[in-house]
Amino acid sequence: MALRTAAAAPRGLRRLFSSISSPSFLPPQTPPAAQAREKPEPSTNLFISGLSKRTTTEKLHEEFAKFGEVVHARVVTDRVSGYSKGFGFVKYATLEDAAKGIEGMDGKFLDGWVIFAEYARPRPPPGQIQNNMTSSYGRP
């Protein structure tokens, strides 16, 4: 049985397995929702994401207290397991402390995981759609 060479392969397969990109390839467009998403305005409340399942409220408070006076810290936990859901909130006494907290902890390691700190967005008013779905099923 003879092996097929690249020259003998059908044209479609050569194009599929070719390492040269075709000029018709366009990178994916960023959705308008991602472009329109504005940065949250500065506040004393920070949203912390990327937390380890083992991170506790006490540990979160202790680490962020290095950058200013922490009024309140909370790791959001699962009701059944009691482990972290991977995010939490830290409230500072002043805006300056909150800015220092973001600068000091954003992109840093906590319990072996890289965490991200940003200003928390306010909750939307009740009755507003709270997901990113744009479908209007059941709505006029």
Protein backbone atom coordinates (compact mmCIF):
# COMPACT_ATOMS: atom_id res chain seq x y z
CA MET A 1 0.00 0.00 0.00
CA ALA A 2 1.51 3.32 -1.05
CA LEU A 3 1.44 6.36 1.21
CA ARG A 4 -0.16 9.48 -0.15
CA THR A 5 2.07 12.56 -0.30
CA ALA A 6 0.97 16.12 0.28
CA ALA A 7 1.00 16.75 -3.47
CA ALA A 8 -1.37 13.85 -4.04
CA ALA A 9 -3.78 14.87 -1.28
CA PRO A 10 -7.09 16.34 -2.36
CA ARG A 11 -7.08 20.13 -2.61
CA GLY A 12 -9.55 20.63 0.26
CA LEU A 13 -7.39 18.61 2.66
CA ARG A 14 -4.27 20.50 1.68
CA ARG A 15 -6.05 23.76 2.47
CA LEU A 16 -7.38 22.35 5.76
CA PHE A 17 -4.00 21.12 6.98
CA SER A 18 -1.90 23.92 5.51
CA SER A 19 0.08 26.02 7.98
CA ILE A 20 -0.28 29.10 5.79
CA SER A 21 -3.34 31.10 6.72
CA SER A 22 -5.62 32.08 3.90
CA PRO A 23 -6.17 35.79 3.26
CA SER A 24 -9.92 35.34 3.73
CA PHE A 25 -9.53 34.68 7.48
CA LEU A 26 -10.82 37.51 9.63
CA PRO A 27 -10.40 37.62 13.41
CA PRO A 28 -13.65 37.44 15.38
CA GLN A 29 -15.36 40.74 16.05
CA THR A 30 -15.79 41.87 19.63
CA PRO A 31 -19.47 41.99 20.50
CA PRO A 32 -20.99 45.47 20.90
CA ALA A 33 -21.96 44.64 24.49
CA ALA A 34 -18.28 44.13 25.39
CA GLN A 35 -17.30 47.37 23.67
CA ALA A 36 -20.06 49.35 25.37
CA ARG A 37 -19.31 48.00 28.85
CA GLU A 38 -18.15 50.98 30.81
CA LYS A 39 -15.74 50.97 33.71
CA PRO A 40 -17.43 51.19 37.09
CA GLU A 41 -17.10 54.51 38.85
CA PRO A 42 -14.77 54.61 41.86
CA SER A 43 -16.32 53.58 45.14
CA THR A 44 -15.17 52.20 48.47
CA ASN A 45 -16.64 48.78 47.64
CA LEU A 46 -14.41 46.40 45.65
CA PHE A 47 -15.34 43.25 43.75
CA ILE A 48 -12.72 40.52 44.07
CA SER A 49 -12.75 37.61 41.60
CA GLY A 50 -10.57 34.55 41.03
CA LEU A 51 -10.57 33.46 44.66
CA SER A 52 -9.57 29.94 45.65
CA LYS A 53 -12.23 27.61 47.04
CA ARG A 54 -10.26 27.59 50.29
CA THR A 55 -10.09 31.38 50.73
CA THR A 56 -11.86 32.58 53.87
CA THR A 57 -13.36 35.93 54.77
CA GLU A 58 -10.70 36.37 57.46
CA LYS A 59 -7.87 35.76 54.97
CA LEU A 60 -9.43 38.21 52.48
CA HIS A 61 -9.77 40.86 55.22
CA GLU A 62 -6.20 40.29 56.40
CA GLU A 63 -4.65 40.63 52.92
CA PHE A 64 -6.58 43.75 51.91
CA ALA A 65 -6.03 45.43 55.30
CA LYS A 66 -2.37 45.86 54.29
CA PHE A 67 -3.45 48.67 51.93
CA GLY A 68 -5.89 50.60 54.11
CA GLU A 69 -8.68 50.46 56.66
CA VAL A 70 -11.07 47.64 55.71
CA VAL A 71 -14.57 48.23 57.01
CA HIS A 72 -16.00 44.92 55.82
CA ALA A 73 -14.81 41.90 53.83
CA ARG A 74 -16.88 38.96 52.65
CA VAL A 75 -16.21 35.85 50.59
CA VAL A 76 -19.39 34.61 48.91
CA THR A 77 -19.78 30.92 49.77
CA ASP A 78 -21.83 28.00 48.54
CA ARG A 79 -24.72 27.17 50.88
CA VAL A 80 -24.19 23.41 50.70
CA SER A 81 -20.42 22.96 50.70
CA GLY A 82 -19.46 26.16 52.53
CA TYR A 83 -16.58 26.71 50.07
CA SER A 84 -15.94 29.98 48.28
CA LYS A 85 -17.80 30.57 45.01
CA GLY A 86 -14.66 32.28 43.72
CA PHE A 87 -15.55 35.89 44.40
CA GLY A 88 -16.09 38.32 47.24
CA PHE A 89 -16.31 41.95 48.30
CA VAL A 90 -14.09 44.28 50.31
CA LYS A 91 -15.31 47.65 51.62
CA TYR A 92 -12.74 50.30 52.52
CA ALA A 93 -13.20 53.39 54.69
CA THR A 94 -12.02 55.83 51.97
CA LEU A 95 -11.73 56.02 48.19
CA GLU A 96 -7.96 56.44 48.49
CA ASP A 97 -7.66 53.19 50.44
CA ALA A 98 -9.84 51.42 47.86
CA ALA A 99 -7.59 52.65 45.04
CA LYS A 100 -4.51 51.42 46.96
CA GLY A 101 -6.23 48.07 47.51
CA ILE A 102 -6.87 47.63 43.78
CA GLU A 103 -3.35 48.69 42.91
CA GLY A 104 -1.83 46.41 45.54
CA MET A 105 -3.90 43.25 45.00
CA ASP A 106 -5.10 43.22 41.36
CA GLY A 107 -3.30 40.42 39.54
CA LYS A 108 -1.56 39.14 42.68
CA PHE A 109 -1.57 35.67 44.23
CA LEU A 110 -3.83 34.80 47.15
CA ASP A 111 -3.92 31.18 48.38
CA GLY A 112 -2.11 30.10 45.21
CA TRP A 113 -4.60 31.72 42.79
CA VAL A 114 -4.32 34.96 40.82
CA ILE A 115 -7.05 37.32 41.97
CA PHE A 116 -8.54 40.38 40.32
CA ALA A 117 -9.78 43.48 42.14
CA GLU A 118 -11.98 46.18 40.66
CA TYR A 119 -14.57 48.68 41.79
CA ALA A 120 -17.89 46.96 42.43
CA ARG A 121 -20.79 47.84 40.16
CA PRO A 122 -24.05 48.78 41.90
CA ARG A 123 -26.89 46.29 41.75
CA PRO A 124 -29.46 47.00 39.04
CA PRO A 125 -32.87 48.12 40.28
CA PRO A 126 -35.42 45.33 40.83
CA GLY A 127 -37.38 44.39 37.74
CA GLN A 128 -34.53 44.91 35.28
CA ILE A 129 -33.18 42.01 33.24
CA GLN A 130 -30.19 40.71 35.17
CA ASN A 131 -28.50 38.53 32.55
CA ASN A 132 -26.75 39.18 29.27
CA MET A 133 -29.42 37.55 27.14
CA THR A 134 -30.89 39.95 24.61
CA SER A 135 -33.74 37.67 23.61
CA SER A 136 -37.22 39.05 24.08
CA TYR A 137 -39.13 35.78 24.42
CA GLY A 138 -42.42 36.35 26.19
CA ARG A 139 -41.95 40.12 26.06
CA PRO A 140 -43.80 42.45 23.67
